Amino acid sequence: MYDKKKERGRSAKCFVCVLASFVILCALLLLLASIMRVREPRAKIRSATSNKITHNASPSSSPSFNATLIIFMTIQNPNFGVFTYDNSSMSVLYAGAKIGDTPINGDKVSFRKTKQINVTVDLRSAQVPVTGNFSGDMNSGTLNLTSYAKFSGTVRFLKIMNVKKSIEMACAMKLNFTSHLLQDIQC
């Protein structure tokens, strides 16, 4: 005997199962897409000090300075994948002229972690063209500096997907000759 009610009940159950499977699959894909969305890693200078500053701001000779800065910076990875960056460098500029440069070794930042990096930069005023602004800044005891670094690398998700990302960091700061600190750091 053929029972139409049983057949309708089976087809209704089958339809509900297929629909539920489709909804669950869509929810899983939505969750996976939100986790695997690639965000930009961020780099920031947290603080900086100087262990050695020598300067000459006397009016009888041309102004000059030499300084060794220790810069404490962080790279934050907000992704669910590892960010691996290549070797790069950090430059320090005064009035558009490069007065210091240092290499930064490549490394990796684990997923959803922040990595701290200490960078030592030697600053020399020999590259600065002597202008009225430089003499005035030297006499005031502070110099307005800009630092620039670029980190290029990839974000890797579960060894399946690699996405290339670059971080550019430009920070303005003031080098104080009396306190031997970098002040007013704005990235």
C-alpha atoms as a PDB file:
ATOM      1  CA  MET A   1       0.000   0.000   0.000  1.00  0.00           C
ATOM      2  CA  TYR A   2       1.139   3.419  -0.873  1.00  0.00           C
ATOM      3  CA  ASP A   3       0.553   6.054   1.803  1.00  0.00           C
ATOM      4  CA  LYS A   4       0.542   9.675   0.582  1.00  0.00           C
ATOM      5  CA  LYS A   5       0.642  11.128   4.123  1.00  0.00           C
ATOM      6  CA  LYS A   6       3.900   9.313   4.940  1.00  0.00           C
ATOM      7  CA  GLU A   7       5.406  10.475   1.655  1.00  0.00           C
ATOM      8  CA  ARG A   8       4.488  14.118   2.368  1.00  0.00           C
ATOM      9  CA  GLY A   9       5.912  13.845   5.886  1.00  0.00           C
ATOM     10  CA  ARG A  10       9.198  12.439   4.545  1.00  0.00           C
ATOM     11  CA  SER A  11       9.494  15.125   1.874  1.00  0.00           C
ATOM     12  CA  ALA A  12       8.737  17.845   4.442  1.00  0.00           C
ATOM     13  CA  LYS A  13      11.426  16.429   6.785  1.00  0.00           C
ATOM     14  CA  CYS A  14      13.877  16.234   3.898  1.00  0.00           C
ATOM     15  CA  PHE A  15      13.135  19.860   2.953  1.00  0.00           C
ATOM     16  CA  VAL A  16      13.640  21.002   6.571  1.00  0.00           C
ATOM     17  CA  CYS A  17      16.943  19.080   6.797  1.00  0.00           C
ATOM     18  CA  VAL A  18      18.218  20.604   3.536  1.00  0.00           C
ATOM     19  CA  LEU A  19      17.134  24.089   4.634  1.00  0.00           C
ATOM     20  CA  ALA A  20      18.758  23.685   8.081  1.00  0.00           C
ATOM     21  CA  SER A  21      21.979  22.437   6.468  1.00  0.00           C
ATOM     22  CA  PHE A  22      21.987  25.432   4.140  1.00  0.00           C
ATOM     23  CA  VAL A  23      21.470  27.878   7.045  1.00  0.00           C
ATOM     24  CA  ILE A  24      24.244  26.251   9.097  1.00  0.00           C
ATOM     25  CA  LEU A  25      26.594  26.311   6.103  1.00  0.00           C
ATOM     26  CA  CYS A  26      25.874  30.022   5.512  1.00  0.00           C
ATOM     27  CA  ALA A  27      26.482  30.796   9.203  1.00  0.00           C
ATOM     28  CA  LEU A  28      29.820  28.930   9.109  1.00  0.00           C
ATOM     29  CA  LEU A  29      30.881  30.757   5.949  1.00  0.00           C
ATOM     30  CA  LEU A  30      29.930  34.103   7.497  1.00  0.00           C
ATOM     31  CA  LEU A  31      31.927  33.282  10.641  1.00  0.00           C
ATOM     32  CA  LEU A  32      34.920  32.137   8.592  1.00  0.00           C
ATOM     33  CA  ALA A  33      34.774  35.276   6.434  1.00  0.00           C
ATOM     34  CA  SER A  34      34.754  37.533   9.503  1.00  0.00           C
ATOM     35  CA  ILE A  35      37.743  35.712  11.028  1.00  0.00           C
ATOM     36  CA  MET A  36      39.732  35.679   7.794  1.00  0.00           C
ATOM     37  CA  ARG A  37      39.167  39.354   7.008  1.00  0.00           C
ATOM     38  CA  VAL A  38      42.626  40.868   6.724  1.00  0.00           C
ATOM     39  CA  ARG A  39      43.178  44.020   8.767  1.00  0.00           C
ATOM     40  CA  GLU A  40      46.138  46.356   8.589  1.00  0.00           C
ATOM     41  CA  PRO A  41      48.836  45.711  11.214  1.00  0.00           C
ATOM     42  CA  ARG A  42      49.861  48.882  13.079  1.00  0.00           C
ATOM     43  CA  ALA A  43      53.259  50.227  14.129  1.00  0.00           C
ATOM     44  CA  LYS A  44      53.757  52.914  16.792  1.00  0.00           C
ATOM     45  CA  ILE A  45      56.571  54.517  18.722  1.00  0.00           C
ATOM     46  CA  ARG A  46      55.798  54.145  22.426  1.00  0.00           C
ATOM     47  CA  SER A  47      58.730  56.067  23.892  1.00  0.00           C
ATOM     48  CA  ALA A  48      62.324  56.993  23.254  1.00  0.00           C
ATOM     49  CA  THR A  49      65.361  58.051  25.234  1.00  0.00           C
ATOM     50  CA  SER A  50      68.898  59.098  24.498  1.00  0.00           C
ATOM     51  CA  ASN A  51      71.940  57.792  26.263  1.00  0.00           C
ATOM     52  CA  LYS A  52      74.317  60.198  24.545  1.00  0.00           C
ATOM     53  CA  ILE A  53      73.744  63.730  23.244  1.00  0.00           C
ATOM     54  CA  THR A  54      76.469  66.234  22.428  1.00  0.00           C
ATOM     55  CA  HIS A  55      75.598  69.589  20.940  1.00  0.00           C
ATOM     56  CA  ASN A  56      77.255  72.871  20.129  1.00  0.00           C
ATOM     57  CA  ALA A  57      74.969  75.859  19.804  1.00  0.00           C
ATOM     58  CA  SER A  58      77.497  78.636  20.346  1.00  0.00           C
ATOM     59  CA  PRO A  59      77.216  81.620  18.008  1.00  0.00           C
ATOM     60  CA  SER A  60      80.977  81.650  17.289  1.00  0.00           C
ATOM     61  CA  SER A  61      80.922  78.298  15.472  1.00  0.00           C
ATOM     62  CA  SER A  62      78.416  76.497  13.304  1.00  0.00           C
ATOM     63  CA  PRO A  63      75.771  74.629  15.321  1.00  0.00           C
ATOM     64  CA  SER A  64      76.010  70.840  15.421  1.00  0.00           C
ATOM     65  CA  PHE A  65      74.844  67.834  17.407  1.00  0.00           C
ATOM     66  CA  ASN A  66      75.344  64.101  17.695  1.00  0.00           C
ATOM     67  CA  ALA A  67      72.868  61.855  19.474  1.00  0.00           C
ATOM     68  CA  THR A  68      72.185  58.174  19.987  1.00  0.00           C
ATOM     69  CA  LEU A  69      68.473  57.451  20.384  1.00  0.00           C
ATOM     70  CA  ILE A  70      66.898  54.284  21.721  1.00  0.00           C
ATOM     71  CA  ILE A  71      63.379  54.060  20.301  1.00  0.00           C
ATOM     72  CA  PHE A  72      60.826  51.635  21.771  1.00  0.00           C
ATOM     73  CA  MET A  73      58.189  50.746  19.208  1.00  0.00           C
ATOM     74  CA  THR A  74      55.458  48.149  18.816  1.00  0.00           C
ATOM     75  CA  ILE A  75      53.899  46.288  15.909  1.00  0.00           C
ATOM     76  CA  GLN A  76      50.334  45.159  16.581  1.00  0.00           C
ATOM     77  CA  ASN A  77      48.786  42.340  14.540  1.00  0.00           C
ATOM     78  CA  PRO A  78      44.950  42.344  14.816  1.00  0.00           C
ATOM     79  CA  ASN A  79      44.565  39.357  12.441  1.00  0.00           C
ATOM     80  CA  PHE A  80      43.922  35.677  13.096  1.00  0.00           C
ATOM     81  CA  GLY A  81      47.035  34.887  11.054  1.00  0.00           C
ATOM     82  CA  VAL A  82      50.764  35.418  11.582  1.00  0.00           C
ATOM     83  CA  PHE A  83      52.254  38.644  10.153  1.00  0.00           C
ATOM     84  CA  THR A  84      55.796  38.058   8.853  1.00  0.00           C
ATOM     85  CA  TYR A  85      57.699  41.180   7.800  1.00  0.00           C
ATOM     86  CA  ASP A  86      60.948  41.552   5.858  1.00  0.00           C
ATOM     87  CA  ASN A  87      64.080  43.488   6.781  1.00  0.00           C
ATOM     88  CA  SER A  88      63.403  47.213   6.741  1.00  0.00           C
ATOM     89  CA  SER A  89      64.870  50.428   8.079  1.00  0.00           C
ATOM     90  CA  MET A  90      63.919  53.468  10.132  1.00  0.00           C
ATOM     91  CA  SER A  91      64.942  56.957   9.057  1.00  0.00           C
ATOM     92  CA  VAL A  92      64.995  60.101  11.185  1.00  0.00           C
ATOM     93  CA  LEU A  93      64.682  63.438   9.397  1.00  0.00           C
ATOM     94  CA  TYR A  94      65.118  67.083  10.339  1.00  0.00           C
ATOM     95  CA  ALA A  95      63.571  69.617   7.923  1.00  0.00           C
ATOM     96  CA  GLY A  96      63.430  66.966   5.196  1.00  0.00           C
ATOM     97  CA  ALA A  97      67.104  65.985   5.502  1.00  0.00           C
ATOM     98  CA  LYS A  98      67.985  62.487   6.704  1.00  0.00           C
ATOM     99  CA  ILE A  99      70.104  62.713   9.855  1.00  0.00           C
ATOM    100  CA  GLY A 100      69.898  59.083  10.958  1.00  0.00           C
ATOM    101  CA  ASP A 101      69.103  55.663   9.575  1.00  0.00           C
ATOM    102  CA  THR A 102      69.128  52.188  11.102  1.00  0.00           C
ATOM    103  CA  PRO A 103      68.189  48.714   9.863  1.00  0.00           C
ATOM    104  CA  ILE A 104      65.378  46.685  11.435  1.00  0.00           C
ATOM    105  CA  ASN A 105      65.613  42.915  11.159  1.00  0.00           C
ATOM    106  CA  GLY A 106      62.656  41.002   9.757  1.00  0.00           C
ATOM    107  CA  ASP A 107      60.580  38.954  12.187  1.00  0.00           C
ATOM    108  CA  LYS A 108      57.041  37.735  12.749  1.00  0.00           C
ATOM    109  CA  VAL A 109      54.160  38.789  14.973  1.00  0.00           C
ATOM    110  CA  SER A 110      51.846  36.023  16.168  1.00  0.00           C
ATOM    111  CA  PHE A 111      48.123  36.267  15.593  1.00  0.00           C
ATOM    112  CA  ARG A 112      46.348  38.905  17.703  1.00  0.00           C
ATOM    113  CA  LYS A 113      49.619  39.817  19.491  1.00  0.00           C
ATOM    114  CA  THR A 114      51.826  42.896  19.848  1.00  0.00           C
ATOM    115  CA  LYS A 115      55.592  42.709  19.350  1.00  0.00           C
ATOM    116  CA  GLN A 116      57.950  45.183  20.999  1.00  0.00           C
ATOM    117  CA  ILE A 117      61.038  46.321  19.100  1.00  0.00           C
ATOM    118  CA  ASN A 118      63.951  48.381  20.391  1.00  0.00           C
ATOM    119  CA  VAL A 119      65.781  50.377  17.723  1.00  0.00           C
ATOM    120  CA  THR A 120      69.021  52.327  18.191  1.00  0.00           C
ATOM    121  CA  VAL A 121      69.550  55.268  15.833  1.00  0.00           C
ATOM    122  CA  ASP A 122      72.667  57.443  15.598  1.00  0.00           C
ATOM    123  CA  LEU A 123      71.799  61.026  14.637  1.00  0.00           C
ATOM    124  CA  ARG A 124      74.393  63.310  13.050  1.00  0.00           C
ATOM    125  CA  SER A 125      73.778  66.921  12.047  1.00  0.00           C
ATOM    126  CA  ALA A 126      76.465  66.854   9.330  1.00  0.00           C
ATOM    127  CA  GLN A 127      73.776  66.241   6.674  1.00  0.00           C
ATOM    128  CA  VAL A 128      71.653  69.230   7.738  1.00  0.00           C
ATOM    129  CA  PRO A 129      72.068  72.378   5.652  1.00  0.00           C
ATOM    130  CA  VAL A 130      72.903  75.201   8.071  1.00  0.00           C
ATOM    131  CA  THR A 131      70.022  77.653   7.961  1.00  0.00           C
ATOM    132  CA  GLY A 132      68.582  80.229  10.304  1.00  0.00           C
ATOM    133  CA  ASN A 133      65.968  77.712  11.468  1.00  0.00           C
ATOM    134  CA  PHE A 134      68.587  75.147  12.481  1.00  0.00           C
ATOM    135  CA  SER A 135      70.566  77.727  14.496  1.00  0.00           C
ATOM    136  CA  GLY A 136      67.387  78.948  16.172  1.00  0.00           C
ATOM    137  CA  ASP A 137      66.232  75.416  16.995  1.00  0.00           C
ATOM    138  CA  MET A 138      69.650  74.530  18.422  1.00  0.00           C
ATOM    139  CA  ASN A 139      69.590  77.653  20.614  1.00  0.00           C
ATOM    140  CA  SER A 140      66.081  76.809  21.857  1.00  0.00           C
ATOM    141  CA  GLY A 141      67.262  73.377  23.055  1.00  0.00           C
ATOM    142  CA  THR A 142      64.771  71.309  21.038  1.00  0.00           C
ATOM    143  CA  LEU A 143      64.671  69.993  17.484  1.00  0.00           C
ATOM    144  CA  ASN A 144      61.524  68.978  15.596  1.00  0.00           C
ATOM    145  CA  LEU A 145      62.202  65.559  14.064  1.00  0.00           C
ATOM    146  CA  THR A 146      60.253  63.118  11.910  1.00  0.00           C
ATOM    147  CA  SER A 147      60.767  59.354  11.866  1.00  0.00           C
ATOM    148  CA  TYR A 148      59.687  57.073   9.054  1.00  0.00           C
ATOM    149  CA  ALA A 149      59.615  53.274   8.750  1.00  0.00           C
ATOM    150  CA  LYS A 150      57.923  50.874   6.358  1.00  0.00           C
ATOM    151  CA  PHE A 151      57.336  47.190   7.089  1.00  0.00           C
ATOM    152  CA  SER A 152      56.404  44.959   4.145  1.00  0.00           C
ATOM    153  CA  GLY A 153      55.294  41.388   4.701  1.00  0.00           C
ATOM    154  CA  THR A 154      52.522  38.833   4.528  1.00  0.00           C
ATOM    155  CA  VAL A 155      49.681  37.719   6.758  1.00  0.00           C
ATOM    156  CA  ARG A 156      49.343  33.916   6.681  1.00  0.00           C
ATOM    157  CA  PHE A 157      46.072  32.175   7.547  1.00  0.00           C
ATOM    158  CA  LEU A 158      46.366  28.484   8.435  1.00  0.00           C
ATOM    159  CA  LYS A 159      49.064  27.971   5.761  1.00  0.00           C
ATOM    160  CA  ILE A 160      46.252  28.261   3.210  1.00  0.00           C
ATOM    161  CA  MET A 161      46.000  31.934   2.373  1.00  0.00           C
ATOM    162  CA  ASN A 162      48.784  34.560   2.151  1.00  0.00           C
ATOM    163  CA  VAL A 163      47.912  38.251   1.907  1.00  0.00           C
ATOM    164  CA  LYS A 164      50.604  40.901   1.350  1.00  0.00           C
ATOM    165  CA  LYS A 165      50.419  43.864   3.719  1.00  0.00           C
ATOM    166  CA  SER A 166      52.581  46.933   4.309  1.00  0.00           C
ATOM    167  CA  ILE A 167      52.747  49.196   7.332  1.00  0.00           C
ATOM    168  CA  GLU A 168      53.972  52.770   7.016  1.00  0.00           C
ATOM    169  CA  MET A 169      54.774  54.682  10.172  1.00  0.00           C
ATOM    170  CA  ALA A 170      55.524  58.396  10.237  1.00  0.00           C
ATOM    171  CA  CYS A 171      55.908  60.084  13.608  1.00  0.00           C
ATOM    172  CA  ALA A 172      56.623  63.677  14.580  1.00  0.00           C
ATOM    173  CA  MET A 173      58.607  64.318  17.757  1.00  0.00           C
ATOM    174  CA  LYS A 174      60.820  66.822  19.546  1.00  0.00           C
ATOM    175  CA  LEU A 175      64.361  66.035  20.687  1.00  0.00           C
ATOM    176  CA  ASN A 176      65.085  67.864  23.955  1.00  0.00           C
ATOM    177  CA  PHE A 177      68.811  68.464  24.536  1.00  0.00           C
ATOM    178  CA  THR A 178      68.498  69.124  28.274  1.00  0.00           C
ATOM    179  CA  SER A 179      66.281  66.193  29.336  1.00  0.00           C
ATOM    180  CA  HIS A 180      67.744  63.776  26.726  1.00  0.00           C
ATOM    181  CA  LEU A 181      64.222  62.627  25.802  1.00  0.00           C
ATOM    182  CA  LEU A 182      62.032  62.599  22.748  1.00  0.00           C
ATOM    183  CA  GLN A 183      58.853  64.500  23.610  1.00  0.00           C
ATOM    184  CA  ASP A 184      55.449  65.042  22.006  1.00  0.00           C
ATOM    185  CA  ILE A 185      55.574  61.852  19.926  1.00  0.00           C
ATOM    186  CA  GLN A 186      52.644  61.814  17.496  1.00  0.00           C
ATOM    187  CA  CYS A 187      52.231  58.946  15.046  1.00  0.00           C
END
